[in-house]
Structure formats: C-alpha cells, structure tokens
Amino acid sequence: MKLLIKSLVFFVLAGLLEISGGYLVWLWLRAGKSVWWAGLGLVLLGLYAIAPTLQDANFGRVYAAYGGVFIILSILWGWLVDRVLPDRFDLLGAGISLLGVVVIMYAPRG
C-alpha cells in the first residue's frame, strides 16, 4: 500500500508540473503574458522531466500509465482553472484511462 501511495504521489506531481508548465507557456503565447511566464513554465517542464524517474517501475510502463493520469489531471485542470465543466464523455474517457493506469502499473505480475 505504501508503494502504491508513493507511486500515485509521483504521478500527480509529474502531471501537475507538466500541465502547469505547459499552461504558463500557453498563456505567454496565446494570452500575451510576459516572457517570464514562459520561463517559469519551462522550469516546471524541466522538473516534470525528472519526476517520473522517481517511480520504481520501468520507463515504458511508467510513461504508458502516466498518459492515463495526464488525461485525468488535464480534465480536472480544465474544470478548476479554465472553468470548463467536463461532460459525460470526458468523465467516461477519464474512467477508461484510470482503468488502464491500474492495469499497467498495479496488476500482479508473475
């Protein structure tokens, strides 16, 4: 259980770093914010590149499962930050991706 919680914390950390970093670059390019927003975004994206290496699983499995976590966090970000309410298809897709994360990362292997 401790390993599962540690893994989930690193997935969420990586997701928040990537999404927030990308969002700051987005604001610079699309909303006319200062270049400093982009600089901070790039720093966060660099930290994102490190975060998945803290996982105990192999690279391919971590990045495959991270894709599902990223989907869920992106929908949450859109809802909480951009105020775009997820619809039933967003929620269905997020649920499917969560199932994929669980299978890829946490299924027992022999």
Foldseek 3Di string as FASTA:
>chain_A
DVLVVVLVVLLVLLLVLLVCLVVLCCCVVPVVDDCVSNVVSVVSNVVSVVSLVPRPDDDVLSVLLSVLVNLVVVQVCCCPPVVDHDDPVSVVSSVVSNVVSCCSPPDDDD
